[in-house]
């Protein structure tokens, strides 16, 4: 089949690589325009573009797909199918209808749960035990198309957004190749989603990463994992913002919300919840302008007094 691949970050690059390695013909790669990054803010190509260029694939980086010029460029490819993974641009109906078999999306959740931009993080925050990959036929809605296949994956107790992302990226690559193999043999009727079971996964914001010590400790432990590596959980101590990279839940401990019960090489034990709902044991953190450090190294240069409280 003649394939257009549309994607931008590393999650998508994993699928593109698998599709190439499987011997499928990728006629064009769509990805977001190069963006400024790093201290010098020089333009950087997306992981998908870098991979495509290594394989000598044609790359197209329009600002939008809503113009006649962009749509004509895609039409000239004569694609049988478009595979989309975390592309970042809206596909208008005119584009969805161009390929013979339409457009399929590699989505990192078990739809209809967690439609939207941040399904991996929202699944961790909610305490879900399972997530996965859904291959779906795209329509004009937000992740509302018919489901072609689903592939489950357990969420492990220590999973961060990064570790879960990496495992889902591999699973998505495998699922995409399986879907292309099946579609190459003929039409595939998908399963209609049950909208009543749907929930939305909004994009993460930096503002929500500030820990609220009045919440139960189990919720804050999930937040630390969900916000790693972005936007990273934050707390303020004596007016200074600390980034919290790793923490574990303990059912023990009672005290004021945000009160430091213990500070040693095992961690900072912080009381959580309005009614003493466990504690969060901080294991790795970072001072503003400093490096990520295990708690024992952090405390050597940043003494903490037991009984003190994090700022409200």
Protein backbone atom coordinates (compact mmCIF):
# COMPACT_ATOMS: atom_id res chain seq x y z
CA UNK A 1 0.00 0.00 0.00
CA UNK A 2 0.98 3.61 -0.59
CA UNK A 3 1.22 5.17 2.90
CA UNK A 4 1.33 8.72 4.21
CA UNK A 5 2.64 8.80 7.79
CA UNK A 6 1.78 11.77 10.02
CA UNK A 7 3.45 12.20 13.39
CA UNK A 8 5.87 14.36 15.35
CA UNK A 9 7.34 13.14 18.70
CA UNK A 10 9.29 10.03 19.67
CA UNK A 11 6.06 8.09 20.26
CA UNK A 12 5.27 8.48 16.56
CA UNK A 13 8.85 7.84 15.43
CA UNK A 14 8.69 4.35 16.97
CA UNK A 15 5.71 3.50 14.77
CA UNK A 16 7.25 4.99 11.64
CA UNK A 17 10.42 2.98 12.21
CA UNK A 18 8.45 -0.25 12.62
CA UNK A 19 6.44 0.44 9.48
CA UNK A 20 9.62 1.05 7.51
CA UNK A 21 11.32 -2.06 8.93
CA UNK A 22 8.24 -4.14 8.03
CA UNK A 23 8.77 -3.22 4.37
CA UNK A 24 5.71 -1.01 3.87
CA UNK A 25 5.99 1.76 1.30
CA UNK A 26 5.92 5.19 2.95
CA UNK A 27 5.36 7.71 0.15
CA UNK A 28 5.32 10.83 2.34
CA UNK A 29 5.95 11.81 5.95
CA UNK A 30 4.00 14.67 7.52
CA UNK A 31 5.40 16.27 10.66
CA UNK A 32 5.25 19.57 12.51
CA UNK A 33 7.52 22.42 11.37
CA UNK A 34 10.94 22.64 13.03
CA UNK A 35 10.73 24.38 16.41
CA UNK A 36 13.27 26.44 18.39
CA UNK A 37 14.73 24.51 21.32
CA UNK A 38 17.72 24.47 23.66
CA UNK A 39 19.62 27.36 25.19
CA UNK A 40 20.38 28.90 21.81
CA UNK A 41 16.76 28.41 20.65
CA UNK A 42 17.98 27.09 17.31
CA UNK A 43 15.53 25.20 15.10
CA UNK A 44 15.26 21.49 15.80
CA UNK A 45 13.66 18.83 13.62
CA UNK A 46 11.11 16.50 15.19
CA UNK A 47 12.11 12.87 15.92
CA UNK A 48 9.85 11.80 13.05
CA UNK A 49 11.57 14.14 10.60
CA UNK A 50 15.02 13.01 11.70
CA UNK A 51 14.06 9.36 11.17
CA UNK A 52 12.43 10.06 7.80
CA UNK A 53 15.49 11.89 6.54
CA UNK A 54 17.78 9.04 7.60
CA UNK A 55 15.71 6.77 5.37
CA UNK A 56 15.50 9.26 2.50
CA UNK A 57 11.72 9.67 2.76
CA UNK A 58 9.97 12.79 1.44
CA UNK A 59 9.03 15.09 4.33
CA UNK A 60 6.27 17.73 4.26
CA UNK A 61 5.85 20.23 7.13
CA UNK A 62 2.83 22.47 6.52
CA UNK A 63 1.61 24.88 9.18
CA UNK A 64 -1.94 23.70 8.51
CA UNK A 65 -3.74 21.08 6.42
CA UNK A 66 -6.74 23.33 5.81
CA UNK A 67 -5.37 25.08 2.71
CA UNK A 68 -6.02 23.98 -0.85
CA UNK A 69 -2.27 23.92 -1.47
CA UNK A 70 -1.63 21.42 1.33
CA UNK A 71 -4.55 19.23 0.32
CA UNK A 72 -3.45 19.18 -3.32
CA UNK A 73 0.04 18.13 -2.22
CA UNK A 74 -1.42 15.19 -0.30
CA UNK A 75 -3.76 14.25 -3.10
CA UNK A 76 -0.84 13.98 -5.50
CA UNK A 77 0.60 11.17 -3.37
CA UNK A 78 -2.32 8.90 -4.24
CA UNK A 79 -2.23 7.32 -0.79
CA UNK A 80 -4.07 4.13 0.06
CA UNK A 81 -4.00 5.03 3.75
CA UNK A 82 -2.69 7.64 6.18
CA UNK A 83 -1.29 6.49 9.53
CA UNK A 84 -1.44 9.18 12.24
CA UNK A 85 0.35 9.16 15.60
CA UNK A 86 0.59 12.26 17.82
CA UNK A 87 0.83 14.53 14.78
CA UNK A 88 -0.42 17.72 16.42
CA UNK A 89 -2.46 19.20 13.56
CA UNK A 90 -6.17 18.86 12.93
CA UNK A 91 -7.05 16.78 9.88
CA UNK A 92 -10.03 18.38 8.10
CA UNK A 93 -12.63 16.18 6.42
CA UNK A 94 -11.12 16.86 3.02
CA UNK A 95 -7.86 15.27 4.20
CA UNK A 96 -9.56 12.40 6.03
CA UNK A 97 -11.32 11.47 2.80
CA UNK A 98 -8.23 11.56 0.54
CA UNK A 99 -6.72 8.08 1.12
CA UNK A 100 -8.56 5.07 -0.30
CA UNK A 101 -8.86 3.48 3.16
CA UNK A 102 -9.06 6.77 5.04
CA UNK A 103 -6.86 7.64 8.02
CA UNK A 104 -6.10 5.49 11.03
CA UNK A 105 -4.82 6.77 14.37
CA UNK A 106 -2.53 5.14 16.95
CA UNK A 107 -4.01 6.32 20.25
CA UNK A 108 -2.40 5.64 23.64
CA UNK A 109 -5.45 4.53 25.61
CA UNK A 110 -8.21 1.96 25.53
CA UNK A 111 -10.89 4.10 23.94
CA UNK A 112 -13.40 5.46 24.65
CA UNK A 113 -11.53 6.08 27.91
CA UNK A 114 -9.15 9.04 27.76
CA UNK A 115 -9.86 10.73 24.49
CA UNK A 116 -7.64 13.76 24.04
CA UNK A 117 -4.08 15.03 24.30
CA UNK A 118 -2.73 13.46 27.52
CA UNK A 119 -4.13 9.93 27.87
CA UNK A 120 -0.97 8.45 29.41
CA UNK A 121 -0.73 10.97 32.24
CA UNK A 122 -4.47 11.02 32.94
CA UNK A 123 -4.56 7.23 33.25
CA UNK A 124 -1.83 7.35 35.92
CA UNK A 125 -3.49 10.25 37.76
CA UNK A 126 -6.79 8.36 37.88
CA UNK A 127 -5.16 5.25 39.33
CA UNK A 128 -6.10 3.09 36.33
CA UNK A 129 -4.72 -0.44 36.46
CA UNK A 130 -4.66 -0.86 32.70
CA UNK A 131 -4.23 1.22 29.58
CA UNK A 132 -3.19 0.31 26.06
CA UNK A 133 -3.27 1.16 22.39
CA UNK A 134 -6.32 1.66 20.21
CA UNK A 135 -6.04 1.65 16.42
CA UNK A 136 -9.03 3.58 15.18
CA UNK A 137 -10.51 4.85 11.96
CA UNK A 138 -10.37 8.63 12.16
CA UNK A 139 -13.42 10.85 11.76
CA UNK A 140 -14.04 14.55 12.40
CA UNK A 141 -14.48 14.07 16.16
CA UNK A 142 -11.85 14.04 18.88
CA UNK A 143 -10.74 10.39 19.03
CA UNK A 144 -14.31 9.28 18.34
CA UNK A 145 -13.81 7.02 15.31
CA UNK A 146 -14.57 3.32 15.02
CA UNK A 147 -12.03 1.08 16.78
CA UNK A 148 -10.18 -1.38 14.57
CA UNK A 149 -8.16 -3.07 17.32
CA UNK A 150 -7.19 -2.70 20.97
CA UNK A 151 -4.09 -3.93 22.79
CA UNK A 152 -4.04 -3.78 26.60
CA UNK A 153 -1.08 -3.01 28.84
CA UNK A 154 -0.89 -3.13 32.64
CA UNK A 155 0.12 0.05 34.46
CA UNK A 156 2.85 -0.94 36.90
CA UNK A 157 3.09 0.54 40.38
CA UNK A 158 6.31 2.40 39.62
CA UNK A 159 5.37 3.60 36.14
CA UNK A 160 6.00 7.25 35.38
CA UNK A 161 4.55 8.97 32.34
CA UNK A 162 7.92 8.40 30.66
CA UNK A 163 8.22 4.66 31.33
CA UNK A 164 4.59 4.06 30.38
CA UNK A 165 5.04 6.19 27.25
CA UNK A 166 8.02 4.09 26.19
CA UNK A 167 6.17 0.80 26.58
CA UNK A 168 3.09 2.13 24.82
CA UNK A 169 5.22 3.45 21.95
CA UNK A 170 6.55 -0.05 21.31
CA UNK A 171 3.07 -1.55 21.60
CA UNK A 172 1.67 1.10 19.25
CA UNK A 173 4.33 0.31 16.66
CA UNK A 174 3.45 -3.38 16.76
CA UNK A 175 -0.28 -2.65 16.59
CA UNK A 176 0.15 -0.30 13.61
CA UNK A 177 2.02 -2.93 11.61
CA UNK A 178 -0.61 -5.55 12.40
CA UNK A 179 -3.34 -3.16 11.28
CA UNK A 180 -1.59 -2.34 8.00
CA UNK A 181 -1.10 -6.03 7.24
CA UNK A 182 -4.80 -6.70 7.81
CA UNK A 183 -5.96 -3.63 5.85
CA UNK A 184 -3.76 -4.64 2.90
CA UNK A 185 -5.93 -7.76 2.57
CA UNK A 186 -9.21 -5.86 2.35
CA UNK A 187 -11.72 -3.59 4.15
CA UNK A 188 -11.95 -3.78 7.93
CA UNK A 189 -15.12 -2.89 9.80
CA UNK A 190 -14.40 -1.23 13.13
CA UNK A 191 -16.35 -1.25 16.39
CA UNK A 192 -18.34 1.88 17.17
CA UNK A 193 -17.32 3.55 20.44
CA UNK A 194 -19.74 3.83 23.35
CA UNK A 195 -19.84 7.58 23.94
CA UNK A 196 -21.44 7.13 27.38
CA UNK A 197 -18.23 5.45 28.59
CA UNK A 198 -15.94 8.17 27.27
CA UNK A 199 -13.81 10.57 29.29
CA UNK A 200 -11.51 13.39 28.26
CA UNK A 201 -7.74 13.69 28.78
CA UNK A 202 -6.92 17.41 28.57
CA UNK A 203 -3.42 18.67 27.86
CA UNK A 204 -1.21 19.05 30.93
CA UNK A 205 -0.49 22.50 32.34
CA UNK A 206 2.38 23.63 34.53
CA UNK A 207 -0.09 25.09 37.02
CA UNK A 208 -1.59 21.72 37.92
CA UNK A 209 1.83 20.28 38.84
CA UNK A 210 1.91 22.11 42.18
CA UNK A 211 1.18 19.56 44.89
CA UNK A 212 -1.77 20.21 47.17
CA UNK A 213 -0.83 18.65 50.51
CA UNK A 214 -4.47 18.55 51.61
CA UNK A 215 -5.03 15.78 49.07
CA UNK A 216 -4.57 12.11 50.07
CA UNK A 217 -1.01 10.82 49.78
CA UNK A 218 -1.95 8.15 47.24
CA UNK A 219 -3.19 10.85 44.87
CA UNK A 220 0.00 12.88 45.26
CA UNK A 221 2.15 9.81 44.62
CA UNK A 222 0.29 9.27 41.35
CA UNK A 223 0.74 12.95 40.49
CA UNK A 224 4.51 12.73 40.94
CA UNK A 225 4.61 9.77 38.55
CA UNK A 226 2.21 11.30 36.04
CA UNK A 227 4.10 14.62 35.83
CA UNK A 228 7.49 12.94 35.27
CA UNK A 229 9.10 14.06 32.95
CA UNK A 230 6.72 17.00 32.29
CA UNK A 231 5.74 19.33 33.87
CA UNK A 232 7.30 17.73 37.01
CA UNK A 233 5.54 17.89 40.38
CA UNK A 234 6.41 20.98 42.41
CA UNK A 235 6.25 22.10 46.03
CA UNK A 236 7.39 25.26 47.81
CA UNK A 237 9.56 25.17 50.94
CA UNK A 238 10.29 28.49 52.68
CA UNK A 239 9.46 30.34 49.48
CA UNK A 240 11.68 28.23 47.23
CA UNK A 241 10.24 25.95 44.57
CA UNK A 242 11.45 22.34 44.56
CA UNK A 243 10.74 19.89 41.77
CA UNK A 244 9.83 16.42 42.98
CA UNK A 245 10.88 13.68 40.59
CA UNK A 246 10.26 10.52 42.58
CA UNK A 247 8.20 9.67 45.65
CA UNK A 248 6.41 6.71 47.19
CA UNK A 249 3.19 6.36 49.14
CA UNK A 250 3.02 5.33 52.78
CA UNK A 251 -0.18 4.64 54.69
CA UNK A 252 1.58 5.65 57.91
CA UNK A 253 1.87 9.10 59.34
CA UNK A 254 -0.40 11.78 60.69
CA UNK A 255 0.13 15.48 60.99
CA UNK A 256 -0.65 18.78 59.39
CA UNK A 257 -0.90 18.74 55.59
CA UNK A 258 2.59 19.34 54.21
CA UNK A 259 4.35 18.77 57.52
CA UNK A 260 7.76 17.06 57.32
CA UNK A 261 7.64 14.19 59.77
CA UNK A 262 11.07 12.79 59.00
CA UNK A 263 14.09 13.83 56.93
CA UNK A 264 16.91 11.32 56.43
CA UNK A 265 18.64 9.23 53.77
CA UNK A 266 15.44 7.19 53.30
CA UNK A 267 13.46 10.22 52.21
CA UNK A 268 11.41 13.22 53.25
CA UNK A 269 8.24 11.91 54.85
CA UNK A 270 5.49 14.50 54.36
CA UNK A 271 2.03 14.29 55.92
CA UNK A 272 -0.86 14.49 53.45
CA UNK A 273 -4.60 14.89 53.51
CA UNK A 274 -6.93 16.98 55.61
CA UNK A 275 -7.40 14.07 58.03
CA UNK A 276 -3.98 12.43 57.98
CA UNK A 277 -4.50 10.38 54.83
CA UNK A 278 -1.05 8.82 54.68
CA UNK A 279 2.26 10.37 53.78
CA UNK A 280 4.41 10.97 50.73
CA UNK A 281 8.03 9.88 51.01
CA UNK A 282 10.07 12.03 48.62
CA UNK A 283 13.03 10.13 47.16
CA UNK A 284 14.43 12.40 44.45
CA UNK A 285 14.11 16.17 44.07
CA UNK A 286 15.65 19.25 42.52
CA UNK A 287 16.26 22.74 43.80
CA UNK A 288 15.62 25.65 41.43
CA UNK A 289 18.70 25.98 39.24
CA UNK A 290 20.20 22.76 40.59
CA UNK A 291 20.48 19.14 39.53
CA UNK A 292 18.15 16.24 40.22
CA UNK A 293 19.47 14.52 43.33
CA UNK A 294 18.63 11.51 45.50
CA UNK A 295 17.28 12.73 48.80
CA UNK A 296 20.40 11.87 50.82
CA UNK A 297 22.60 14.00 48.54
CA UNK A 298 20.00 16.78 48.43
CA UNK A 299 19.84 17.05 52.22
CA UNK A 300 23.61 17.49 52.53
CA UNK A 301 23.37 20.89 50.91
CA UNK A 302 19.80 21.74 51.87
CA UNK A 303 19.12 21.04 55.54
CA UNK A 304 15.47 20.42 56.39
CA UNK A 305 14.03 20.66 59.88
CA UNK A 306 11.64 17.91 60.93
CA UNK A 307 8.35 19.46 61.97
CA UNK A 308 8.54 22.23 59.37
CA UNK A 309 5.82 22.48 56.75
CA UNK A 310 5.92 22.98 53.03
CA UNK A 311 4.28 26.24 52.02
CA UNK A 312 0.54 26.04 51.51
